[in-house]
Amino acid sequence: AIGSSAFALWLVCQRDMPRLHLVL
């Protein structure tokens, strides 16, 4: 759960979130 949360927080804090990144 903690690992999944770390990945999620890292992803949403990027400058952009293309659709492909959102799906993956």
mmCIF file of all heavy atoms, coordinates in Angstrom:
data_MODEL
# 
_entry.id   MODEL 
# 
loop_
_atom_site.group_PDB 
_atom_site.id 
_atom_site.type_symbol 
_atom_site.label_atom_id 
_atom_site.label_alt_id 
_atom_site.label_comp_id 
_atom_site.label_asym_id 
_atom_site.label_entity_id 
_atom_site.label_seq_id 
_atom_site.pdbx_PDB_ins_code 
_atom_site.Cartn_x 
_atom_site.Cartn_y 
_atom_site.Cartn_z 
_atom_site.occupancy 
_atom_site.B_iso_or_equiv 
_atom_site.pdbx_formal_charge 
_atom_site.auth_seq_id 
_atom_site.auth_comp_id 
_atom_site.auth_asym_id 
_atom_site.auth_atom_id 
_atom_site.pdbx_PDB_model_num 
ATOM 1   N N   . ALA A 1 1  ? 0.832  -1.209 0.000   1.00 0.00 ? 1  ALA A N   1 
ATOM 2   C CA  . ALA A 1 1  ? 0.000  0.000  0.000   1.00 0.00 ? 1  ALA A CA  1 
ATOM 3   C C   . ALA A 1 1  ? 0.865  1.258  0.000   1.00 0.00 ? 1  ALA A C   1 
ATOM 4   O O   . ALA A 1 1  ? 0.585  2.227  -0.730  1.00 0.00 ? 1  ALA A O   1 
ATOM 5   C CB  . ALA A 1 1  ? -0.930 0.000  1.206   1.00 0.00 ? 1  ALA A CB  1 
ATOM 6   N N   . ILE A 1 2  ? 1.914  1.243  0.818   1.00 0.00 ? 2  ILE A N   1 
ATOM 7   C CA  . ILE A 1 2  ? 2.803  2.416  0.880   1.00 0.00 ? 2  ILE A CA  1 
ATOM 8   C C   . ILE A 1 2  ? 3.539  2.607  -0.445  1.00 0.00 ? 2  ILE A C   1 
ATOM 9   O O   . ILE A 1 2  ? 3.673  3.728  -0.955  1.00 0.00 ? 2  ILE A O   1 
ATOM 10  C CB  . ILE A 1 2  ? 3.796  2.266  2.044   1.00 0.00 ? 2  ILE A CB  1 
ATOM 11  C CG1 . ILE A 1 2  ? 3.049  2.312  3.384   1.00 0.00 ? 2  ILE A CG1 1 
ATOM 12  C CG2 . ILE A 1 2  ? 4.860  3.372  1.993   1.00 0.00 ? 2  ILE A CG2 1 
ATOM 13  C CD1 . ILE A 1 2  ? 3.931  2.013  4.587   1.00 0.00 ? 2  ILE A CD1 1 
ATOM 14  N N   . GLY A 1 3  ? 4.013  1.496  -1.050  1.00 0.00 ? 3  GLY A N   1 
ATOM 15  C CA  . GLY A 1 3  ? 4.702  1.598  -2.333  1.00 0.00 ? 3  GLY A CA  1 
ATOM 16  C C   . GLY A 1 3  ? 3.801  2.128  -3.427  1.00 0.00 ? 3  GLY A C   1 
ATOM 17  O O   . GLY A 1 3  ? 4.202  2.979  -4.239  1.00 0.00 ? 3  GLY A O   1 
ATOM 18  N N   . SER A 1 4  ? 2.565  1.642  -3.474  1.00 0.00 ? 4  SER A N   1 
ATOM 19  C CA  . SER A 1 4  ? 1.615  2.134  -4.470  1.00 0.00 ? 4  SER A CA  1 
ATOM 20  C C   . SER A 1 4  ? 1.330  3.624  -4.268  1.00 0.00 ? 4  SER A C   1 
ATOM 21  O O   . SER A 1 4  ? 1.210  4.393  -5.230  1.00 0.00 ? 4  SER A O   1 
ATOM 22  C CB  . SER A 1 4  ? 0.304  1.335  -4.378  1.00 0.00 ? 4  SER A CB  1 
ATOM 23  O OG  . SER A 1 4  ? 0.530  -0.036 -4.627  1.00 0.00 ? 4  SER A OG  1 
ATOM 24  N N   . SER A 1 5  ? 1.229  4.031  -3.010  1.00 0.00 ? 5  SER A N   1 
ATOM 25  C CA  . SER A 1 5  ? 0.970  5.444  -2.707  1.00 0.00 ? 5  SER A CA  1 
ATOM 26  C C   . SER A 1 5  ? 2.133  6.328  -3.128  1.00 0.00 ? 5  SER A C   1 
ATOM 27  O O   . SER A 1 5  ? 1.943  7.431  -3.647  1.00 0.00 ? 5  SER A O   1 
ATOM 28  C CB  . SER A 1 5  ? 0.693  5.620  -1.214  1.00 0.00 ? 5  SER A CB  1 
ATOM 29  O OG  . SER A 1 5  ? -0.447 4.872  -0.828  1.00 0.00 ? 5  SER A OG  1 
ATOM 30  N N   . ALA A 1 6  ? 3.385  5.835  -2.895  1.00 0.00 ? 6  ALA A N   1 
ATOM 31  C CA  . ALA A 1 6  ? 4.566  6.604  -3.297  1.00 0.00 ? 6  ALA A CA  1 
ATOM 32  C C   . ALA A 1 6  ? 4.589  6.811  -4.805  1.00 0.00 ? 6  ALA A C   1 
ATOM 33  O O   . ALA A 1 6  ? 4.876  7.915  -5.307  1.00 0.00 ? 6  ALA A O   1 
ATOM 34  C CB  . ALA A 1 6  ? 5.835  5.891  -2.835  1.00 0.00 ? 6  ALA A CB  1 
ATOM 35  N N   . PHE A 1 7  ? 4.270  5.736  -5.558  1.00 0.00 ? 7  PHE A N   1 
ATOM 36  C CA  . PHE A 1 7  ? 4.229  5.861  -7.019  1.00 0.00 ? 7  PHE A CA  1 
ATOM 37  C C   . PHE A 1 7  ? 3.161  6.866  -7.453  1.00 0.00 ? 7  PHE A C   1 
ATOM 38  O O   . PHE A 1 7  ? 3.392  7.698  -8.341  1.00 0.00 ? 7  PHE A O   1 
ATOM 39  C CB  . PHE A 1 7  ? 3.955  4.488  -7.633  1.00 0.00 ? 7  PHE A CB  1 
ATOM 40  C CG  . PHE A 1 7  ? 3.632  4.546  -9.106  1.00 0.00 ? 7  PHE A CG  1 
ATOM 41  C CD1 . PHE A 1 7  ? 4.633  4.780  -10.039 1.00 0.00 ? 7  PHE A CD1 1 
ATOM 42  C CD2 . PHE A 1 7  ? 2.322  4.394  -9.543  1.00 0.00 ? 7  PHE A CD2 1 
ATOM 43  C CE1 . PHE A 1 7  ? 4.328  4.859  -11.389 1.00 0.00 ? 7  PHE A CE1 1 
ATOM 44  C CE2 . PHE A 1 7  ? 2.025  4.464  -10.888 1.00 0.00 ? 7  PHE A CE2 1 
ATOM 45  C CZ  . PHE A 1 7  ? 3.030  4.694  -11.820 1.00 0.00 ? 7  PHE A CZ  1 
ATOM 46  N N   . ALA A 1 8  ? 2.000  6.812  -6.803  1.00 0.00 ? 8  ALA A N   1 
ATOM 47  C CA  . ALA A 1 8  ? 0.907  7.719  -7.174  1.00 0.00 ? 8  ALA A CA  1 
ATOM 48  C C   . ALA A 1 8  ? 1.292  9.174  -6.912  1.00 0.00 ? 8  ALA A C   1 
ATOM 49  O O   . ALA A 1 8  ? 1.062  10.055 -7.750  1.00 0.00 ? 8  ALA A O   1 
ATOM 50  C CB  . ALA A 1 8  ? -0.354 7.347  -6.400  1.00 0.00 ? 8  ALA A CB  1 
ATOM 51  N N   . LEU A 1 9  ? 1.867  9.442  -5.731  1.00 0.00 ? 9  LEU A N   1 
ATOM 52  C CA  . LEU A 1 9  ? 2.260  10.813 -5.407  1.00 0.00 ? 9  LEU A CA  1 
ATOM 53  C C   . LEU A 1 9  ? 3.338  11.318 -6.351  1.00 0.00 ? 9  LEU A C   1 
ATOM 54  O O   . LEU A 1 9  ? 3.329  12.477 -6.778  1.00 0.00 ? 9  LEU A O   1 
ATOM 55  C CB  . LEU A 1 9  ? 2.745  10.892 -3.957  1.00 0.00 ? 9  LEU A CB  1 
ATOM 56  C CG  . LEU A 1 9  ? 1.668  10.813 -2.874  1.00 0.00 ? 9  LEU A CG  1 
ATOM 57  C CD1 . LEU A 1 9  ? 2.317  10.825 -1.494  1.00 0.00 ? 9  LEU A CD1 1 
ATOM 58  C CD2 . LEU A 1 9  ? 0.695  11.979 -2.989  1.00 0.00 ? 9  LEU A CD2 1 
ATOM 59  N N   . TRP A 1 10 ? 4.286  10.464 -6.672  1.00 0.00 ? 10 TRP A N   1 
ATOM 60  C CA  . TRP A 1 10 ? 5.350  10.877 -7.601  1.00 0.00 ? 10 TRP A CA  1 
ATOM 61  C C   . TRP A 1 10 ? 4.774  11.215 -8.972  1.00 0.00 ? 10 TRP A C   1 
ATOM 62  O O   . TRP A 1 10 ? 5.162  12.206 -9.605  1.00 0.00 ? 10 TRP A O   1 
ATOM 63  C CB  . TRP A 1 10 ? 6.370  9.747  -7.738  1.00 0.00 ? 10 TRP A CB  1 
ATOM 64  C CG  . TRP A 1 10 ? 7.414  10.033 -8.789  1.00 0.00 ? 10 TRP A CG  1 
ATOM 65  C CD1 . TRP A 1 10 ? 8.534  10.774 -8.662  1.00 0.00 ? 10 TRP A CD1 1 
ATOM 66  C CD2 . TRP A 1 10 ? 7.385  9.566  -10.153 1.00 0.00 ? 10 TRP A CD2 1 
ATOM 67  N NE1 . TRP A 1 10 ? 9.216  10.823 -9.856  1.00 0.00 ? 10 TRP A NE1 1 
ATOM 68  C CE2 . TRP A 1 10 ? 8.531  10.091 -10.798 1.00 0.00 ? 10 TRP A CE2 1 
ATOM 69  C CE3 . TRP A 1 10 ? 6.511  8.761  -10.887 1.00 0.00 ? 10 TRP A CE3 1 
ATOM 70  C CZ2 . TRP A 1 10 ? 8.819  9.831  -12.127 1.00 0.00 ? 10 TRP A CZ2 1 
ATOM 71  C CZ3 . TRP A 1 10 ? 6.790  8.507  -12.203 1.00 0.00 ? 10 TRP A CZ3 1 
ATOM 72  C CH2 . TRP A 1 10 ? 7.945  9.043  -12.821 1.00 0.00 ? 10 TRP A CH2 1 
ATOM 73  N N   . LEU A 1 11 ? 3.799  10.418 -9.422  1.00 0.00 ? 11 LEU A N   1 
ATOM 74  C CA  . LEU A 1 11 ? 3.237  10.613 -10.746 1.00 0.00 ? 11 LEU A CA  1 
ATOM 75  C C   . LEU A 1 11 ? 2.440  11.921 -10.838 1.00 0.00 ? 11 LEU A C   1 
ATOM 76  O O   . LEU A 1 11 ? 2.585  12.682 -11.800 1.00 0.00 ? 11 LEU A O   1 
ATOM 77  C CB  . LEU A 1 11 ? 2.334  9.428  -11.105 1.00 0.00 ? 11 LEU A CB  1 
ATOM 78  C CG  . LEU A 1 11 ? 1.771  9.417  -12.535 1.00 0.00 ? 11 LEU A CG  1 
ATOM 79  C CD1 . LEU A 1 11 ? 2.906  9.329  -13.545 1.00 0.00 ? 11 LEU A CD1 1 
ATOM 80  C CD2 . LEU A 1 11 ? 0.802  8.254  -12.714 1.00 0.00 ? 11 LEU A CD2 1 
ATOM 81  N N   . VAL A 1 12 ? 1.608  12.198 -9.831  1.00 0.00 ? 12 VAL A N   1 
ATOM 82  C CA  . VAL A 1 12 ? 0.761  13.394 -9.914  1.00 0.00 ? 12 VAL A CA  1 
ATOM 83  C C   . VAL A 1 12 ? 1.550  14.678 -9.699  1.00 0.00 ? 12 VAL A C   1 
ATOM 84  O O   . VAL A 1 12 ? 1.030  15.771 -9.956  1.00 0.00 ? 12 VAL A O   1 
ATOM 85  C CB  . VAL A 1 12 ? -0.398 13.337 -8.885  1.00 0.00 ? 12 VAL A CB  1 
ATOM 86  C CG1 . VAL A 1 12 ? -1.270 12.137 -9.135  1.00 0.00 ? 12 VAL A CG1 1 
ATOM 87  C CG2 . VAL A 1 12 ? 0.117  13.355 -7.463  1.00 0.00 ? 12 VAL A CG2 1 
ATOM 88  N N   . CYS A 1 13 ? 2.785  14.579 -9.218  1.00 0.00 ? 13 CYS A N   1 
ATOM 89  C CA  . CYS A 1 13 ? 3.581  15.784 -8.985  1.00 0.00 ? 13 CYS A CA  1 
ATOM 90  C C   . CYS A 1 13 ? 4.484  16.129 -10.162 1.00 0.00 ? 13 CYS A C   1 
ATOM 91  O O   . CYS A 1 13 ? 5.293  17.060 -10.076 1.00 0.00 ? 13 CYS A O   1 
ATOM 92  C CB  . CYS A 1 13 ? 4.421  15.625 -7.718  1.00 0.00 ? 13 CYS A CB  1 
ATOM 93  S SG  . CYS A 1 13 ? 3.402  15.544 -6.238  1.00 0.00 ? 13 CYS A SG  1 
ATOM 94  N N   . GLN A 1 14 ? 4.368  15.366 -11.259 1.00 0.00 ? 14 GLN A N   1 
ATOM 95  C CA  . GLN A 1 14 ? 5.113  15.718 -12.463 1.00 0.00 ? 14 GLN A CA  1 
ATOM 96  C C   . GLN A 1 14 ? 4.480  16.954 -13.118 1.00 0.00 ? 14 GLN A C   1 
ATOM 97  O O   . GLN A 1 14 ? 3.318  17.281 -12.883 1.00 0.00 ? 14 GLN A O   1 
ATOM 98  C CB  . GLN A 1 14 ? 5.115  14.539 -13.449 1.00 0.00 ? 14 GLN A CB  1 
ATOM 99  C CG  . GLN A 1 14 ? 5.713  13.262 -12.875 1.00 0.00 ? 14 GLN A CG  1 
ATOM 100 C CD  . GLN A 1 14 ? 7.115  13.467 -12.329 1.00 0.00 ? 14 GLN A CD  1 
ATOM 101 O OE1 . GLN A 1 14 ? 8.006  13.920 -13.037 1.00 0.00 ? 14 GLN A OE1 1 
ATOM 102 N NE2 . GLN A 1 14 ? 7.307  13.149 -11.051 1.00 0.00 ? 14 GLN A NE2 1 
ATOM 103 N N   . ARG A 1 15 ? 5.283  17.650 -13.929 1.00 0.00 ? 15 ARG A N   1 
ATOM 104 C CA  . ARG A 1 15 ? 4.788  18.876 -14.552 1.00 0.00 ? 15 ARG A CA  1 
ATOM 105 C C   . ARG A 1 15 ? 3.594  18.598 -15.460 1.00 0.00 ? 15 ARG A C   1 
ATOM 106 O O   . ARG A 1 15 ? 2.614  19.352 -15.460 1.00 0.00 ? 15 ARG A O   1 
ATOM 107 C CB  . ARG A 1 15 ? 5.911  19.536 -15.349 1.00 0.00 ? 15 ARG A CB  1 
ATOM 108 C CG  . ARG A 1 15 ? 5.478  20.787 -16.097 1.00 0.00 ? 15 ARG A CG  1 
ATOM 109 C CD  . ARG A 1 15 ? 6.643  21.430 -16.817 1.00 0.00 ? 15 ARG A CD  1 
ATOM 110 N NE  . ARG A 1 15 ? 7.682  21.846 -15.884 1.00 0.00 ? 15 ARG A NE  1 
ATOM 111 C CZ  . ARG A 1 15 ? 8.848  22.395 -16.246 1.00 0.00 ? 15 ARG A CZ  1 
ATOM 112 N NH1 . ARG A 1 15 ? 9.100  22.580 -17.540 1.00 0.00 ? 15 ARG A NH1 1 
ATOM 113 N NH2 . ARG A 1 15 ? 9.736  22.736 -15.340 1.00 0.00 ? 15 ARG A NH2 1 
ATOM 114 N N   . ASP A 1 16 ? 3.648  17.496 -16.226 1.00 0.00 ? 16 ASP A N   1 
ATOM 115 C CA  . ASP A 1 16 ? 2.562  17.137 -17.135 1.00 0.00 ? 16 ASP A CA  1 
ATOM 116 C C   . ASP A 1 16 ? 2.138  15.699 -16.880 1.00 0.00 ? 16 ASP A C   1 
ATOM 117 O O   . ASP A 1 16 ? 2.907  14.883 -16.346 1.00 0.00 ? 16 ASP A O   1 
ATOM 118 C CB  . ASP A 1 16 ? 2.998  17.286 -18.602 1.00 0.00 ? 16 ASP A CB  1 
ATOM 119 C CG  . ASP A 1 16 ? 3.429  18.715 -18.924 1.00 0.00 ? 16 ASP A CG  1 
ATOM 120 O OD1 . ASP A 1 16 ? 2.654  19.638 -18.605 1.00 0.00 ? 16 ASP A OD1 1 
ATOM 121 O OD2 . ASP A 1 16 ? 4.535  18.887 -19.471 1.00 0.00 ? 16 ASP A OD2 1 
ATOM 122 N N   . MET A 1 17 ? 0.903  15.381 -17.263 1.00 0.00 ? 17 MET A N   1 
ATOM 123 C CA  . MET A 1 17 ? 0.439  13.998 -17.175 1.00 0.00 ? 17 MET A CA  1 
ATOM 124 C C   . MET A 1 17 ? -0.258 13.631 -18.485 1.00 0.00 ? 17 MET A C   1 
ATOM 125 O O   . MET A 1 17 ? -1.481 13.776 -18.612 1.00 0.00 ? 17 MET A O   1 
ATOM 126 C CB  . MET A 1 17 ? -0.509 13.790 -15.989 1.00 0.00 ? 17 MET A CB  1 
ATOM 127 C CG  . MET A 1 17 ? -0.912 12.316 -15.809 1.00 0.00 ? 17 MET A CG  1 
ATOM 128 S SD  . MET A 1 17 ? -2.066 12.061 -14.449 1.00 0.00 ? 17 MET A SD  1 
ATOM 129 C CE  . MET A 1 17 ? -0.982 12.245 -13.066 1.00 0.00 ? 17 MET A CE  1 
ATOM 130 N N   . PRO A 1 18 ? 0.524  13.164 -19.457 1.00 0.00 ? 18 PRO A N   1 
ATOM 131 C CA  . PRO A 1 18 ? -0.082 12.725 -20.716 1.00 0.00 ? 18 PRO A CA  1 
ATOM 132 C C   . PRO A 1 18 ? -1.045 11.552 -20.472 1.00 0.00 ? 18 PRO A C   1 
ATOM 133 O O   . PRO A 1 18 ? -0.987 10.872 -19.445 1.00 0.00 ? 18 PRO A O   1 
ATOM 134 C CB  . PRO A 1 18 ? 1.130  12.294 -21.561 1.00 0.00 ? 18 PRO A CB  1 
ATOM 135 C CG  . PRO A 1 18 ? 2.305  12.958 -20.917 1.00 0.00 ? 18 PRO A CG  1 
ATOM 136 C CD  . PRO A 1 18 ? 1.983  13.048 -19.463 1.00 0.00 ? 18 PRO A CD  1 
ATOM 137 N N   . ARG A 1 19 ? -1.907 11.329 -21.436 1.00 0.00 ? 19 ARG A N   1 
ATOM 138 C CA  . ARG A 1 19 ? -2.921 10.272 -21.286 1.00 0.00 ? 19 ARG A CA  1 
ATOM 139 C C   . ARG A 1 19 ? -2.283 8.902  -21.104 1.00 0.00 ? 19 ARG A C   1 
ATOM 140 O O   . ARG A 1 19 ? -2.756 8.087  -20.285 1.00 0.00 ? 19 ARG A O   1 
ATOM 141 C CB  . ARG A 1 19 ? -3.823 10.266 -22.517 1.00 0.00 ? 19 ARG A CB  1 
ATOM 142 C CG  . ARG A 1 19 ? -4.966 9.258  -22.436 1.00 0.00 ? 19 ARG A CG  1 
ATOM 143 C CD  . ARG A 1 19 ? -5.900 9.407  -23.612 1.00 0.00 ? 19 ARG A CD  1 
ATOM 144 N NE  . ARG A 1 19 ? -6.493 10.731 -23.630 1.00 0.00 ? 19 ARG A NE  1 
ATOM 145 C CZ  . ARG A 1 19 ? -7.321 11.158 -24.602 1.00 0.00 ? 19 ARG A CZ  1 
ATOM 146 N NH1 . ARG A 1 19 ? -7.620 10.357 -25.616 1.00 0.00 ? 19 ARG A NH1 1 
ATOM 147 N NH2 . ARG A 1 19 ? -7.825 12.367 -24.557 1.00 0.00 ? 19 ARG A NH2 1 
ATOM 148 N N   . LEU A 1 20 ? -1.174 8.666  -21.811 1.00 0.00 ? 20 LEU A N   1 
ATOM 149 C CA  . LEU A 1 20 ? -0.505 7.368  -21.688 1.00 0.00 ? 20 LEU A CA  1 
ATOM 150 C C   . LEU A 1 20 ? 0.019  7.164  -20.273 1.00 0.00 ? 20 LEU A C   1 
ATOM 151 O O   . LEU A 1 20 ? -0.113 6.066  -19.698 1.00 0.00 ? 20 LEU A O   1 
ATOM 152 C CB  . LEU A 1 20 ? 0.644  7.276  -22.702 1.00 0.00 ? 20 LEU A CB  1 
ATOM 153 C CG  . LEU A 1 20 ? 1.468  5.974  -22.668 1.00 0.00 ? 20 LEU A CG  1 
ATOM 154 C CD1 . LEU A 1 20 ? 0.580  4.772  -22.979 1.00 0.00 ? 20 LEU A CD1 1 
ATOM 155 C CD2 . LEU A 1 20 ? 2.627  6.045  -23.664 1.00 0.00 ? 20 LEU A CD2 1 
ATOM 156 N N   . HIS A 1 21 ? 0.609  8.219  -19.696 1.00 0.00 ? 21 HIS A N   1 
ATOM 157 C CA  . HIS A 1 21 ? 1.102  8.111  -18.322 1.00 0.00 ? 21 HIS A CA  1 
ATOM 158 C C   . HIS A 1 21 ? -0.039 7.857  -17.347 1.00 0.00 ? 21 HIS A C   1 
ATOM 159 O O   . HIS A 1 21 ? 0.103  7.102  -16.381 1.00 0.00 ? 21 HIS A O   1 
ATOM 160 C CB  . HIS A 1 21 ? 1.835  9.393  -17.931 1.00 0.00 ? 21 HIS A CB  1 
ATOM 161 C CG  . HIS A 1 21 ? 3.147  9.562  -18.621 1.00 0.00 ? 21 HIS A CG  1 
ATOM 162 N ND1 . HIS A 1 21 ? 4.025  10.597 -18.347 1.00 0.00 ? 21 HIS A ND1 1 
ATOM 163 C CD2 . HIS A 1 21 ? 3.755  8.837  -19.607 1.00 0.00 ? 21 HIS A CD2 1 
ATOM 164 C CE1 . HIS A 1 21 ? 5.086  10.492 -19.111 1.00 0.00 ? 21 HIS A CE1 1 
ATOM 165 N NE2 . HIS A 1 21 ? 4.943  9.438  -19.900 1.00 0.00 ? 21 HIS A NE2 1 
ATOM 166 N N   . LEU A 1 22 ? -1.191 8.473  -17.590 1.00 0.00 ? 22 LEU A N   1 
ATOM 167 C CA  . LEU A 1 22 ? -2.341 8.276  -16.716 1.00 0.00 ? 22 LEU A CA  1 
ATOM 168 C C   . LEU A 1 22 ? -2.827 6.835  -16.777 1.00 0.00 ? 22 LEU A C   1 
ATOM 169 O O   . LEU A 1 22 ? -3.127 6.216  -15.734 1.00 0.00 ? 22 LEU A O   1 
ATOM 170 C CB  . LEU A 1 22 ? -3.457 9.238  -17.118 1.00 0.00 ? 22 LEU A CB  1 
ATOM 171 C CG  . LEU A 1 22 ? -4.769 9.136  -16.322 1.00 0.00 ? 22 LEU A CG  1 
ATOM 172 C CD1 . LEU A 1 22 ? -4.524 9.449  -14.853 1.00 0.00 ? 22 LEU A CD1 1 
ATOM 173 C CD2 . LEU A 1 22 ? -5.824 10.070 -16.889 1.00 0.00 ? 22 LEU A CD2 1 
ATOM 174 N N   . VAL A 1 23 ? -2.881 6.266  -17.987 1.00 0.00 ? 23 VAL A N   1 
ATOM 175 C CA  . VAL A 1 23 ? -3.355 4.884  -18.142 1.00 0.00 ? 23 VAL A CA  1 
ATOM 176 C C   . VAL A 1 23 ? -2.391 3.906  -17.478 1.00 0.00 ? 23 VAL A C   1 
ATOM 177 O O   . VAL A 1 23 ? -2.803 3.006  -16.714 1.00 0.00 ? 23 VAL A O   1 
ATOM 178 C CB  . VAL A 1 23 ? -3.525 4.554  -19.641 1.00 0.00 ? 23 VAL A CB  1 
ATOM 179 C CG1 . VAL A 1 23 ? -3.813 3.061  -19.825 1.00 0.00 ? 23 VAL A CG1 1 
ATOM 180 C CG2 . VAL A 1 23 ? -4.647 5.387  -20.239 1.00 0.00 ? 23 VAL A CG2 1 
ATOM 181 N N   . LEU A 1 24 ? -1.087 4.073  -17.754 1.00 0.00 ? 24 LEU A N   1 
ATOM 182 C CA  . LEU A 1 24 ? -0.098 3.171  -17.137 1.00 0.00 ? 24 LEU A CA  1 
ATOM 183 C C   . LEU A 1 24 ? -0.095 3.324  -15.622 1.00 0.00 ? 24 LEU A C   1 
ATOM 184 O O   . LEU A 1 24 ? 0.011  2.337  -14.885 1.00 0.00 ? 24 LEU A O   1 
ATOM 185 C CB  . LEU A 1 24 ? 1.292  3.476  -17.706 1.00 0.00 ? 24 LEU A CB  1 
ATOM 186 C CG  . LEU A 1 24 ? 1.497  3.133  -19.193 1.00 0.00 ? 24 LEU A CG  1 
ATOM 187 C CD1 . LEU A 1 24 ? 2.889  3.575  -19.642 1.00 0.00 ? 24 LEU A CD1 1 
ATOM 188 C CD2 . LEU A 1 24 ? 1.320  1.633  -19.427 1.00 0.00 ? 24 LEU A CD2 1 
# 
